[in-house]
Amino acid sequence: MADKKVIAVIGSTGLQGGGLVRAIAADPSGEFAARAVTRDPSSEKAQALDGLAAEVVQADLDDRASLERAFAGAYGVFGVTNFWEHFSPDKEIEQARNIAEAAKAAGVTHVVWSTLEDMRQWVPIEDDRMPTLNEKWTVPHYDGKGEADKEFTARGLPVTLLQTSFYWDNMINFGMGPQRAEDGSLAITFPIGDTRLPGMASEDIGKAALGIFKAGDEYIGKTVAIAGEHATGAEMAAALSDALGESVAYNAVSADAYRGFGFPGAEDLGNMFQVTSEFESEYAGKRDLGLTRKLNPELKDFRGWLAENKDRIPVA
């Protein structure tokens, strides 16, 4: 351990951070060791990190002092926040500020901040093509992270801004998989028309983050946007049909209809899909599949992800 570079991994029991912990553990070079940072080291998920992480330490994103202790002596920090725990961009920004200030105090060599675009660059809040949410956000779970980028850059931190993509895991964990209609047919529903949506396996985000750390200072001061595949709704439906052995249709609804579905976050996601569709060339165009595969040679496309995960998708 003494000769390894320690990476303090925020969200180590979650999808992105957990993927990075596992990627570090599986890396044959043995260059890095993961310090798993979690609010509750006694939790079942934290206990499952035993043998993967060099150590499991307690810290809370709302407690900067605890983060400073968790980052002490670390080479790198992987920072991530979870909007869906609290639905507050302002809280995400404050948590990002705590990560940045703690990383600055610890003097780390490299920070990888998992982020997304501030969609207000494309659809300002005064634009009436979609509803403004909570008076100041276009896509809250994007905008807060994008606004928080400056918490790292303004402090002069050696940071890589890692812009991620739609999780295919949302089909398992977020109810976005095939739904069965009264007539027994299956369909996925997205308001993206025939545009391509960049997506990826959440596990591959952690692997790409490790690739950034392994590259040394090559990506410091840069924005890296990643994806596993750019796929249309029809292409995702066809892949699901093959994987599940049952026809899955693609139900292309309007963004207005999607915003009206009523589940928590429906308006946020409806706006997100509308922006990614209307600004496909800008949004999908920057998510470089070749660069992602360079960072993570094990990168999966959607069919590859389905081959491993089709049985985990709840289909009644």
C-alpha atoms as a PDB file:
ATOM      1  CA  MET A   1       0.000   0.000   0.000  1.00  0.00           C
ATOM      2  CA  ALA A   2       2.806   2.422   0.822  1.00  0.00           C
ATOM      3  CA  ASP A   3       4.013   2.444  -2.784  1.00  0.00           C
ATOM      4  CA  LYS A   4       0.529   2.897  -4.276  1.00  0.00           C
ATOM      5  CA  LYS A   5      -1.207   6.148  -5.095  1.00  0.00           C
ATOM      6  CA  VAL A   6      -4.350   6.464  -3.012  1.00  0.00           C
ATOM      7  CA  ILE A   7      -7.544   7.630  -4.674  1.00  0.00           C
ATOM      8  CA  ALA A   8     -10.277   8.766  -2.290  1.00  0.00           C
ATOM      9  CA  VAL A   9     -13.538   7.680  -3.914  1.00  0.00           C
ATOM     10  CA  ILE A  10     -16.720   9.563  -3.041  1.00  0.00           C
ATOM     11  CA  GLY A  11     -19.892   7.522  -3.537  1.00  0.00           C
ATOM     12  CA  SER A  12     -17.988   4.276  -3.144  1.00  0.00           C
ATOM     13  CA  THR A  13     -21.180   2.331  -2.413  1.00  0.00           C
ATOM     14  CA  GLY A  14     -22.968   3.832  -5.420  1.00  0.00           C
ATOM     15  CA  LEU A  15     -22.862   3.080  -9.128  1.00  0.00           C
ATOM     16  CA  GLN A  16     -20.066   5.385 -10.311  1.00  0.00           C
ATOM     17  CA  GLY A  17     -17.859   5.310  -7.221  1.00  0.00           C
ATOM     18  CA  GLY A  18     -18.367   1.590  -6.750  1.00  0.00           C
ATOM     19  CA  GLY A  19     -17.350   1.050 -10.357  1.00  0.00           C
ATOM     20  CA  LEU A  20     -14.130   2.958  -9.751  1.00  0.00           C
ATOM     21  CA  VAL A  21     -13.332   0.989  -6.571  1.00  0.00           C
ATOM     22  CA  ARG A  22     -13.804  -2.273  -8.469  1.00  0.00           C
ATOM     23  CA  ALA A  23     -11.777  -0.999 -11.428  1.00  0.00           C
ATOM     24  CA  ILE A  24      -8.861  -0.072  -9.161  1.00  0.00           C
ATOM     25  CA  ALA A  25      -9.008  -3.471  -7.458  1.00  0.00           C
ATOM     26  CA  ALA A  26      -8.972  -5.268 -10.829  1.00  0.00           C
ATOM     27  CA  ASP A  27      -6.209  -3.147 -12.376  1.00  0.00           C
ATOM     28  CA  PRO A  28      -3.241  -5.461 -12.980  1.00  0.00           C
ATOM     29  CA  SER A  29      -0.763  -2.584 -12.761  1.00  0.00           C
ATOM     30  CA  GLY A  30      -1.502  -2.137  -9.072  1.00  0.00           C
ATOM     31  CA  GLU A  31      -0.616   1.545  -9.423  1.00  0.00           C
ATOM     32  CA  PHE A  32      -3.496   2.791  -7.280  1.00  0.00           C
ATOM     33  CA  ALA A  33      -5.323   1.864  -4.104  1.00  0.00           C
ATOM     34  CA  ALA A  34      -8.904   2.897  -3.401  1.00  0.00           C
ATOM     35  CA  ARG A  35      -9.899   4.661  -0.231  1.00  0.00           C
ATOM     36  CA  ALA A  36     -13.648   4.118  -0.129  1.00  0.00           C
ATOM     37  CA  VAL A  37     -15.411   7.168   1.305  1.00  0.00           C
ATOM     38  CA  THR A  38     -18.906   6.550   2.664  1.00  0.00           C
ATOM     39  CA  ARG A  39     -21.315   8.081   5.132  1.00  0.00           C
ATOM     40  CA  ASP A  40     -21.790   4.747   6.914  1.00  0.00           C
ATOM     41  CA  PRO A  41     -18.840   2.316   6.915  1.00  0.00           C
ATOM     42  CA  SER A  42     -20.980  -0.176   8.836  1.00  0.00           C
ATOM     43  CA  SER A  43     -23.583  -0.481   6.071  1.00  0.00           C
ATOM     44  CA  GLU A  44     -23.959  -3.689   4.126  1.00  0.00           C
ATOM     45  CA  LYS A  45     -22.805  -1.982   0.906  1.00  0.00           C
ATOM     46  CA  ALA A  46     -19.732  -0.587   2.635  1.00  0.00           C
ATOM     47  CA  GLN A  47     -18.905  -3.971   4.137  1.00  0.00           C
ATOM     48  CA  ALA A  48     -19.066  -5.451   0.634  1.00  0.00           C
ATOM     49  CA  LEU A  49     -16.060  -3.280  -0.274  1.00  0.00           C
ATOM     50  CA  ASP A  50     -13.870  -5.315   2.055  1.00  0.00           C
ATOM     51  CA  GLY A  51     -11.067  -6.782  -0.029  1.00  0.00           C
ATOM     52  CA  LEU A  52     -11.630  -4.295  -2.856  1.00  0.00           C
ATOM     53  CA  ALA A  53     -10.745  -1.033  -1.143  1.00  0.00           C
ATOM     54  CA  ALA A  54      -7.541  -0.592   0.799  1.00  0.00           C
ATOM     55  CA  GLU A  55      -9.585   1.136   3.476  1.00  0.00           C
ATOM     56  CA  VAL A  56     -13.114   2.340   4.125  1.00  0.00           C
ATOM     57  CA  VAL A  57     -13.409   5.762   5.771  1.00  0.00           C
ATOM     58  CA  GLN A  58     -16.345   7.780   7.018  1.00  0.00           C
ATOM     59  CA  ALA A  59     -17.173  11.210   5.594  1.00  0.00           C
ATOM     60  CA  ASP A  60     -20.269  13.183   4.730  1.00  0.00           C
ATOM     61  CA  LEU A  61     -20.571  15.535   1.767  1.00  0.00           C
ATOM     62  CA  ASP A  62     -22.287  18.054   4.038  1.00  0.00           C
ATOM     63  CA  ASP A  63     -19.330  18.031   6.459  1.00  0.00           C
ATOM     64  CA  ARG A  64     -16.216  19.576   4.911  1.00  0.00           C
ATOM     65  CA  ALA A  65     -13.998  18.696   7.876  1.00  0.00           C
ATOM     66  CA  SER A  66     -14.834  15.013   7.483  1.00  0.00           C
ATOM     67  CA  LEU A  67     -13.892  15.230   3.793  1.00  0.00           C
ATOM     68  CA  GLU A  68     -10.572  16.847   4.644  1.00  0.00           C
ATOM     69  CA  ARG A  69      -9.791  13.922   6.938  1.00  0.00           C
ATOM     70  CA  ALA A  70     -10.856  11.437   4.263  1.00  0.00           C
ATOM     71  CA  PHE A  71      -8.665  13.089   1.599  1.00  0.00           C
ATOM     72  CA  ALA A  72      -5.557  13.530   3.754  1.00  0.00           C
ATOM     73  CA  GLY A  73      -2.516  11.976   2.095  1.00  0.00           C
ATOM     74  CA  ALA A  74      -4.439  10.944  -1.031  1.00  0.00           C
ATOM     75  CA  TYR A  75      -3.015  11.307  -4.527  1.00  0.00           C
ATOM     76  CA  GLY A  76      -6.427  11.766  -6.129  1.00  0.00           C
ATOM     77  CA  VAL A  77     -10.096  12.368  -5.415  1.00  0.00           C
ATOM     78  CA  PHE A  78     -13.079  11.135  -7.388  1.00  0.00           C
ATOM     79  CA  GLY A  79     -15.994  13.461  -6.674  1.00  0.00           C
ATOM     80  CA  VAL A  80     -19.655  12.751  -7.367  1.00  0.00           C
ATOM     81  CA  THR A  81     -22.984  13.929  -5.943  1.00  0.00           C
ATOM     82  CA  ASN A  82     -26.431  12.320  -6.038  1.00  0.00           C
ATOM     83  CA  PHE A  83     -29.213  14.719  -7.006  1.00  0.00           C
ATOM     84  CA  TRP A  84     -31.865  12.017  -6.661  1.00  0.00           C
ATOM     85  CA  GLU A  85     -31.332  11.757  -2.911  1.00  0.00           C
ATOM     86  CA  HIS A  86     -32.680  15.268  -2.316  1.00  0.00           C
ATOM     87  CA  PHE A  87     -33.713  16.825  -5.684  1.00  0.00           C
ATOM     88  CA  SER A  88     -31.763  20.019  -4.881  1.00  0.00           C
ATOM     89  CA  PRO A  89     -29.233  21.532  -7.299  1.00  0.00           C
ATOM     90  CA  ASP A  90     -28.305  24.055  -4.625  1.00  0.00           C
ATOM     91  CA  LYS A  91     -27.389  21.232  -2.263  1.00  0.00           C
ATOM     92  CA  GLU A  92     -25.295  19.609  -5.002  1.00  0.00           C
ATOM     93  CA  ILE A  93     -23.414  22.855  -5.528  1.00  0.00           C
ATOM     94  CA  GLU A  94     -22.741  23.170  -1.808  1.00  0.00           C
ATOM     95  CA  GLN A  95     -21.536  19.563  -1.637  1.00  0.00           C
ATOM     96  CA  ALA A  96     -19.271  20.119  -4.653  1.00  0.00           C
ATOM     97  CA  ARG A  97     -17.862  23.182  -2.900  1.00  0.00           C
ATOM     98  CA  ASN A  98     -17.099  21.042   0.145  1.00  0.00           C
ATOM     99  CA  ILE A  99     -15.337  18.446  -2.031  1.00  0.00           C
ATOM    100  CA  ALA A 100     -13.317  21.146  -3.796  1.00  0.00           C
ATOM    101  CA  GLU A 101     -12.290  22.936  -0.612  1.00  0.00           C
ATOM    102  CA  ALA A 102     -11.331  19.670   1.082  1.00  0.00           C
ATOM    103  CA  ALA A 103      -9.307  18.574  -1.955  1.00  0.00           C
ATOM    104  CA  LYS A 104      -7.560  21.945  -1.992  1.00  0.00           C
ATOM    105  CA  ALA A 105      -6.754  21.668   1.719  1.00  0.00           C
ATOM    106  CA  ALA A 106      -5.422  18.138   1.233  1.00  0.00           C
ATOM    107  CA  GLY A 107      -3.211  19.197  -1.675  1.00  0.00           C
ATOM    108  CA  VAL A 108      -4.228  16.309  -3.909  1.00  0.00           C
ATOM    109  CA  THR A 109      -2.541  15.852  -7.281  1.00  0.00           C
ATOM    110  CA  HIS A 110      -5.619  15.095  -9.374  1.00  0.00           C
ATOM    111  CA  VAL A 111      -9.381  15.520  -8.954  1.00  0.00           C
ATOM    112  CA  VAL A 112     -11.872  13.866 -11.283  1.00  0.00           C
ATOM    113  CA  TRP A 113     -15.252  15.568 -10.871  1.00  0.00           C
ATOM    114  CA  SER A 114     -18.212  13.641 -12.297  1.00  0.00           C
ATOM    115  CA  THR A 115     -20.405  16.288 -13.850  1.00  0.00           C
ATOM    116  CA  LEU A 116     -22.899  17.186 -16.566  1.00  0.00           C
ATOM    117  CA  GLU A 117     -23.580  20.236 -18.700  1.00  0.00           C
ATOM    118  CA  ASP A 118     -25.465  23.240 -17.431  1.00  0.00           C
ATOM    119  CA  MET A 119     -28.327  22.976 -19.929  1.00  0.00           C
ATOM    120  CA  ARG A 120     -29.138  26.662 -19.525  1.00  0.00           C
ATOM    121  CA  GLN A 121     -26.353  27.326 -22.032  1.00  0.00           C
ATOM    122  CA  TRP A 122     -28.703  25.899 -24.699  1.00  0.00           C
ATOM    123  CA  VAL A 123     -32.111  26.670 -23.225  1.00  0.00           C
ATOM    124  CA  PRO A 124     -31.970  29.743 -20.963  1.00  0.00           C
ATOM    125  CA  ILE A 125     -34.644  30.026 -18.309  1.00  0.00           C
ATOM    126  CA  GLU A 126     -36.341  32.850 -20.240  1.00  0.00           C
ATOM    127  CA  ASP A 127     -36.782  30.482 -23.224  1.00  0.00           C
ATOM    128  CA  ASP A 128     -40.401  29.321 -23.352  1.00  0.00           C
ATOM    129  CA  ARG A 129     -39.836  26.087 -25.264  1.00  0.00           C
ATOM    130  CA  MET A 130     -39.942  24.164 -21.965  1.00  0.00           C
ATOM    131  CA  PRO A 131     -40.937  24.959 -18.381  1.00  0.00           C
ATOM    132  CA  THR A 132     -38.421  26.571 -16.059  1.00  0.00           C
ATOM    133  CA  LEU A 133     -38.215  24.472 -12.891  1.00  0.00           C
ATOM    134  CA  ASN A 134     -38.045  25.981  -9.416  1.00  0.00           C
ATOM    135  CA  GLU A 135     -37.666  29.396 -11.056  1.00  0.00           C
ATOM    136  CA  LYS A 136     -34.039  29.024 -12.122  1.00  0.00           C
ATOM    137  CA  TRP A 137     -33.300  25.609 -13.651  1.00  0.00           C
ATOM    138  CA  THR A 138     -33.773  24.079 -17.075  1.00  0.00           C
ATOM    139  CA  VAL A 139     -32.651  20.553 -16.163  1.00  0.00           C
ATOM    140  CA  PRO A 140     -31.999  20.638 -12.415  1.00  0.00           C
ATOM    141  CA  HIS A 141     -29.975  17.434 -12.129  1.00  0.00           C
ATOM    142  CA  TYR A 142     -27.698  18.666 -14.919  1.00  0.00           C
ATOM    143  CA  ASP A 143     -27.585  22.394 -14.232  1.00  0.00           C
ATOM    144  CA  GLY A 144     -26.445  22.132 -10.611  1.00  0.00           C
ATOM    145  CA  LYS A 145     -23.509  19.913 -11.506  1.00  0.00           C
ATOM    146  CA  GLY A 146     -22.548  22.137 -14.422  1.00  0.00           C
ATOM    147  CA  GLU A 147     -22.711  25.245 -12.262  1.00  0.00           C
ATOM    148  CA  ALA A 148     -20.589  23.467  -9.655  1.00  0.00           C
ATOM    149  CA  ASP A 149     -17.728  22.989 -12.138  1.00  0.00           C
ATOM    150  CA  LYS A 150     -16.450  26.425 -11.199  1.00  0.00           C
ATOM    151  CA  GLU A 151     -16.065  25.336  -7.573  1.00  0.00           C
ATOM    152  CA  PHE A 152     -13.119  23.282  -8.822  1.00  0.00           C
ATOM    153  CA  THR A 153     -11.785  25.437 -11.638  1.00  0.00           C
ATOM    154  CA  ALA A 154     -11.943  28.741  -9.749  1.00  0.00           C
ATOM    155  CA  ARG A 155      -9.817  27.268  -6.965  1.00  0.00           C
ATOM    156  CA  GLY A 156      -7.115  26.280  -9.419  1.00  0.00           C
ATOM    157  CA  LEU A 157      -7.472  22.605  -8.631  1.00  0.00           C
ATOM    158  CA  PRO A 158      -5.848  20.043 -10.931  1.00  0.00           C
ATOM    159  CA  VAL A 159      -9.231  18.838 -12.127  1.00  0.00           C
ATOM    160  CA  THR A 160     -10.677  16.807 -14.959  1.00  0.00           C
ATOM    161  CA  LEU A 161     -14.353  17.493 -15.618  1.00  0.00           C
ATOM    162  CA  LEU A 162     -15.861  14.110 -16.512  1.00  0.00           C
ATOM    163  CA  GLN A 163     -19.200  14.533 -18.288  1.00  0.00           C
ATOM    164  CA  THR A 164     -21.162  11.298 -18.163  1.00  0.00           C
ATOM    165  CA  SER A 165     -24.191   9.973 -20.067  1.00  0.00           C
ATOM    166  CA  PHE A 166     -27.589   8.361 -19.561  1.00  0.00           C
ATOM    167  CA  TYR A 167     -27.277   5.208 -17.459  1.00  0.00           C
ATOM    168  CA  TRP A 168     -28.609   2.056 -19.084  1.00  0.00           C
ATOM    169  CA  ASP A 169     -28.890   0.895 -15.479  1.00  0.00           C
ATOM    170  CA  ASN A 170     -31.921   3.210 -15.292  1.00  0.00           C
ATOM    171  CA  MET A 171     -33.793   0.355 -16.923  1.00  0.00           C
ATOM    172  CA  ILE A 172     -33.127  -1.649 -13.763  1.00  0.00           C
ATOM    173  CA  ASN A 173     -33.203   0.973 -11.024  1.00  0.00           C
ATOM    174  CA  PHE A 174     -35.310   3.850 -12.351  1.00  0.00           C
ATOM    175  CA  GLY A 175     -38.290   2.202 -14.020  1.00  0.00           C
ATOM    176  CA  MET A 176     -37.195   3.068 -17.561  1.00  0.00           C
ATOM    177  CA  GLY A 177     -37.167  -0.515 -18.837  1.00  0.00           C
ATOM    178  CA  PRO A 178     -39.860  -2.170 -20.939  1.00  0.00           C
ATOM    179  CA  GLN A 179     -43.389  -1.816 -19.534  1.00  0.00           C
ATOM    180  CA  ARG A 180     -46.159  -4.262 -20.330  1.00  0.00           C
ATOM    181  CA  ALA A 181     -49.446  -2.904 -21.642  1.00  0.00           C
ATOM    182  CA  GLU A 182     -52.873  -4.363 -20.925  1.00  0.00           C
ATOM    183  CA  ASP A 183     -52.701  -6.295 -24.184  1.00  0.00           C
ATOM    184  CA  GLY A 184     -49.459  -7.963 -23.047  1.00  0.00           C
ATOM    185  CA  SER A 185     -47.137  -6.092 -25.384  1.00  0.00           C
ATOM    186  CA  LEU A 186     -43.875  -4.524 -24.197  1.00  0.00           C
ATOM    187  CA  ALA A 187     -42.585  -1.028 -24.962  1.00  0.00           C
ATOM    188  CA  ILE A 188     -40.000   1.475 -23.824  1.00  0.00           C
ATOM    189  CA  THR A 189     -41.064   5.111 -23.691  1.00  0.00           C
ATOM    190  CA  PHE A 190     -38.793   8.076 -24.351  1.00  0.00           C
ATOM    191  CA  PRO A 191     -39.427  11.576 -25.744  1.00  0.00           C
ATOM    192  CA  ILE A 192     -36.440  11.580 -28.074  1.00  0.00           C
ATOM    193  CA  GLY A 193     -38.078  11.027 -31.464  1.00  0.00           C
ATOM    194  CA  ASP A 194     -35.538   9.493 -33.813  1.00  0.00           C
ATOM    195  CA  THR A 195     -32.504  11.235 -32.293  1.00  0.00           C
ATOM    196  CA  ARG A 196     -29.582   9.409 -30.756  1.00  0.00           C
ATOM    197  CA  LEU A 197     -29.207   9.327 -26.985  1.00  0.00           C
ATOM    198  CA  PRO A 198     -25.687   8.794 -25.617  1.00  0.00           C
ATOM    199  CA  GLY A 199     -25.795   6.105 -22.936  1.00  0.00           C
ATOM    200  CA  MET A 200     -23.497   3.794 -21.053  1.00  0.00           C
ATOM    201  CA  ALA A 201     -23.149   1.226 -18.308  1.00  0.00           C
ATOM    202  CA  SER A 202     -22.610   2.976 -14.995  1.00  0.00           C
ATOM    203  CA  GLU A 203     -19.789   0.520 -14.276  1.00  0.00           C
ATOM    204  CA  ASP A 204     -17.934   1.873 -17.297  1.00  0.00           C
ATOM    205  CA  ILE A 205     -17.889   5.380 -15.816  1.00  0.00           C
ATOM    206  CA  GLY A 206     -15.650   4.179 -12.991  1.00  0.00           C
ATOM    207  CA  LYS A 207     -13.408   2.376 -15.460  1.00  0.00           C
ATOM    208  CA  ALA A 208     -13.080   5.519 -17.579  1.00  0.00           C
ATOM    209  CA  ALA A 209     -12.286   7.551 -14.466  1.00  0.00           C
ATOM    210  CA  LEU A 210      -9.460   5.131 -13.680  1.00  0.00           C
ATOM    211  CA  GLY A 211      -8.183   5.611 -17.224  1.00  0.00           C
ATOM    212  CA  ILE A 212      -8.061   9.354 -16.600  1.00  0.00           C
ATOM    213  CA  PHE A 213      -6.102   8.899 -13.371  1.00  0.00           C
ATOM    214  CA  LYS A 214      -3.719   6.476 -15.098  1.00  0.00           C
ATOM    215  CA  ALA A 215      -3.024   9.054 -17.813  1.00  0.00           C
ATOM    216  CA  GLY A 216      -1.344  11.328 -15.273  1.00  0.00           C
ATOM    217  CA  ASP A 217      -1.694  14.994 -16.136  1.00  0.00           C
ATOM    218  CA  GLU A 218      -2.878  14.427 -19.723  1.00  0.00           C
ATOM    219  CA  TYR A 219      -6.488  15.337 -18.908  1.00  0.00           C
ATOM    220  CA  ILE A 220      -5.940  17.835 -16.098  1.00  0.00           C
ATOM    221  CA  GLY A 221      -7.641  21.102 -16.967  1.00  0.00           C
ATOM    222  CA  LYS A 222      -9.783  19.395 -19.601  1.00  0.00           C
ATOM    223  CA  THR A 223     -13.384  18.314 -20.019  1.00  0.00           C
ATOM    224  CA  VAL A 224     -13.826  14.669 -21.021  1.00  0.00           C
ATOM    225  CA  ALA A 225     -17.292  13.588 -22.214  1.00  0.00           C
ATOM    226  CA  ILE A 226     -17.949   9.842 -22.370  1.00  0.00           C
ATOM    227  CA  ALA A 227     -20.525   7.334 -23.613  1.00  0.00           C
ATOM    228  CA  GLY A 228     -20.757   3.674 -24.545  1.00  0.00           C
ATOM    229  CA  GLU A 229     -23.017   4.109 -27.570  1.00  0.00           C
ATOM    230  CA  HIS A 230     -25.252   6.694 -29.229  1.00  0.00           C
ATOM    231  CA  ALA A 231     -28.532   4.859 -29.832  1.00  0.00           C
ATOM    232  CA  THR A 232     -32.012   5.795 -31.022  1.00  0.00           C
ATOM    233  CA  GLY A 233     -35.103   4.630 -29.165  1.00  0.00           C
ATOM    234  CA  ALA A 234     -35.847   2.210 -32.006  1.00  0.00           C
ATOM    235  CA  GLU A 235     -32.329   0.757 -31.796  1.00  0.00           C
ATOM    236  CA  MET A 236     -32.643   0.281 -28.030  1.00  0.00           C
ATOM    237  CA  ALA A 237     -36.012  -1.413 -28.503  1.00  0.00           C
ATOM    238  CA  ALA A 238     -34.559  -3.770 -31.125  1.00  0.00           C
ATOM    239  CA  ALA A 239     -31.655  -4.690 -28.838  1.00  0.00           C
ATOM    240  CA  LEU A 240     -34.063  -5.308 -25.948  1.00  0.00           C
ATOM    241  CA  SER A 241     -36.234  -7.478 -28.195  1.00  0.00           C
ATOM    242  CA  ASP A 242     -33.260  -9.669 -29.077  1.00  0.00           C
ATOM    243  CA  ALA A 243     -32.023  -9.862 -25.493  1.00  0.00           C
ATOM    244  CA  LEU A 244     -35.397 -10.632 -23.905  1.00  0.00           C
ATOM    245  CA  GLY A 245     -36.629 -12.923 -26.673  1.00  0.00           C
ATOM    246  CA  GLU A 246     -39.855 -10.919 -26.909  1.00  0.00           C
ATOM    247  CA  SER A 247     -40.827  -7.989 -29.081  1.00  0.00           C
ATOM    248  CA  VAL A 248     -40.244  -4.596 -27.473  1.00  0.00           C
ATOM    249  CA  ALA A 249     -41.667  -1.536 -29.207  1.00  0.00           C
ATOM    250  CA  TYR A 250     -40.440   2.028 -28.962  1.00  0.00           C
ATOM    251  CA  ASN A 251     -43.099   4.478 -27.815  1.00  0.00           C
ATOM    252  CA  ALA A 252     -41.962   7.935 -28.920  1.00  0.00           C
ATOM    253  CA  VAL A 253     -43.959  10.423 -26.881  1.00  0.00           C
ATOM    254  CA  SER A 254     -43.659  14.192 -26.762  1.00  0.00           C
ATOM    255  CA  ALA A 255     -41.585  15.892 -24.098  1.00  0.00           C
ATOM    256  CA  ASP A 256     -44.777  17.540 -22.815  1.00  0.00           C
ATOM    257  CA  ALA A 257     -46.396  14.130 -22.386  1.00  0.00           C
ATOM    258  CA  TYR A 258     -43.345  12.797 -20.568  1.00  0.00           C
ATOM    259  CA  ARG A 259     -43.270  15.801 -18.231  1.00  0.00           C
ATOM    260  CA  GLY A 260     -46.874  15.012 -17.368  1.00  0.00           C
ATOM    261  CA  PHE A 261     -46.280  11.416 -16.287  1.00  0.00           C
ATOM    262  CA  GLY A 262     -46.261  12.561 -12.676  1.00  0.00           C
ATOM    263  CA  PHE A 263     -43.469  10.512 -11.134  1.00  0.00           C
ATOM    264  CA  PRO A 264     -40.832  12.364  -9.056  1.00  0.00           C
ATOM    265  CA  GLY A 265     -38.445  14.033 -11.483  1.00  0.00           C
ATOM    266  CA  ALA A 266     -40.676  13.632 -14.560  1.00  0.00           C
ATOM    267  CA  GLU A 267     -40.451  17.329 -15.476  1.00  0.00           C
ATOM    268  CA  ASP A 268     -36.681  17.345 -14.986  1.00  0.00           C
ATOM    269  CA  LEU A 269     -36.237  14.270 -17.186  1.00  0.00           C
ATOM    270  CA  GLY A 270     -38.708  15.509 -19.789  1.00  0.00           C
ATOM    271  CA  ASN A 271     -36.666  18.698 -20.119  1.00  0.00           C
ATOM    272  CA  MET A 272     -33.446  16.681 -20.237  1.00  0.00           C
ATOM    273  CA  PHE A 273     -34.616  14.480 -23.087  1.00  0.00           C
ATOM    274  CA  GLN A 274     -35.926  17.517 -24.983  1.00  0.00           C
ATOM    275  CA  VAL A 275     -32.587  19.302 -24.703  1.00  0.00           C
ATOM    276  CA  THR A 276     -30.537  16.242 -25.676  1.00  0.00           C
ATOM    277  CA  SER A 277     -32.799  15.784 -28.707  1.00  0.00           C
ATOM    278  CA  GLU A 278     -32.976  19.399 -29.872  1.00  0.00           C
ATOM    279  CA  PHE A 279     -29.236  19.856 -29.363  1.00  0.00           C
ATOM    280  CA  GLU A 280     -28.182  16.378 -30.479  1.00  0.00           C
ATOM    281  CA  SER A 281     -25.210  17.573 -32.506  1.00  0.00           C
ATOM    282  CA  GLU A 282     -23.784  19.519 -29.573  1.00  0.00           C
ATOM    283  CA  TYR A 283     -24.679  17.043 -26.818  1.00  0.00           C
ATOM    284  CA  ALA A 284     -24.071  13.687 -28.493  1.00  0.00           C
ATOM    285  CA  GLY A 285     -21.369  15.108 -30.727  1.00  0.00           C
ATOM    286  CA  LYS A 286     -19.013  15.829 -27.845  1.00  0.00           C
ATOM    287  CA  ARG A 287     -19.370  12.355 -26.273  1.00  0.00           C
ATOM    288  CA  ASP A 288     -16.477  10.667 -27.996  1.00  0.00           C
ATOM    289  CA  LEU A 289     -16.828   6.873 -28.176  1.00  0.00           C
ATOM    290  CA  GLY A 290     -13.252   6.454 -29.372  1.00  0.00           C
ATOM    291  CA  LEU A 291     -11.840   8.443 -26.469  1.00  0.00           C
ATOM    292  CA  THR A 292     -14.079   6.575 -24.031  1.00  0.00           C
ATOM    293  CA  ARG A 293     -12.765   3.268 -25.335  1.00  0.00           C
ATOM    294  CA  LYS A 294      -9.204   4.552 -25.070  1.00  0.00           C
ATOM    295  CA  LEU A 295      -9.800   5.300 -21.404  1.00  0.00           C
ATOM    296  CA  ASN A 296     -11.690   2.028 -20.889  1.00  0.00           C
ATOM    297  CA  PRO A 297     -10.795  -0.726 -23.362  1.00  0.00           C
ATOM    298  CA  GLU A 298     -13.526  -2.921 -21.820  1.00  0.00           C
ATOM    299  CA  LEU A 299     -16.248  -0.422 -22.807  1.00  0.00           C
ATOM    300  CA  LYS A 300     -19.633  -2.034 -23.516  1.00  0.00           C
ATOM    301  CA  ASP A 301     -22.198  -0.985 -26.069  1.00  0.00           C
ATOM    302  CA  PHE A 302     -25.902  -1.402 -25.249  1.00  0.00           C
ATOM    303  CA  ARG A 303     -26.116  -4.965 -26.537  1.00  0.00           C
ATOM    304  CA  GLY A 304     -23.011  -5.884 -24.566  1.00  0.00           C
ATOM    305  CA  TRP A 305     -24.546  -4.421 -21.426  1.00  0.00           C
ATOM    306  CA  LEU A 306     -27.800  -6.287 -22.068  1.00  0.00           C
ATOM    307  CA  ALA A 307     -25.968  -9.594 -22.449  1.00  0.00           C
ATOM    308  CA  GLU A 308     -24.832  -9.249 -18.844  1.00  0.00           C
ATOM    309  CA  ASN A 309     -27.843  -7.489 -17.339  1.00  0.00           C
ATOM    310  CA  LYS A 310     -31.020  -8.522 -19.182  1.00  0.00           C
ATOM    311  CA  ASP A 311     -32.146 -10.746 -16.295  1.00  0.00           C
ATOM    312  CA  ARG A 312     -31.930  -7.803 -13.890  1.00  0.00           C
ATOM    313  CA  ILE A 313     -34.411  -5.678 -15.850  1.00  0.00           C
ATOM    314  CA  PRO A 314     -37.811  -6.030 -14.165  1.00  0.00           C
ATOM    315  CA  VAL A 315     -40.358  -7.144 -16.762  1.00  0.00           C
ATOM    316  CA  ALA A 316     -43.688  -8.265 -15.332  1.00  0.00           C
END
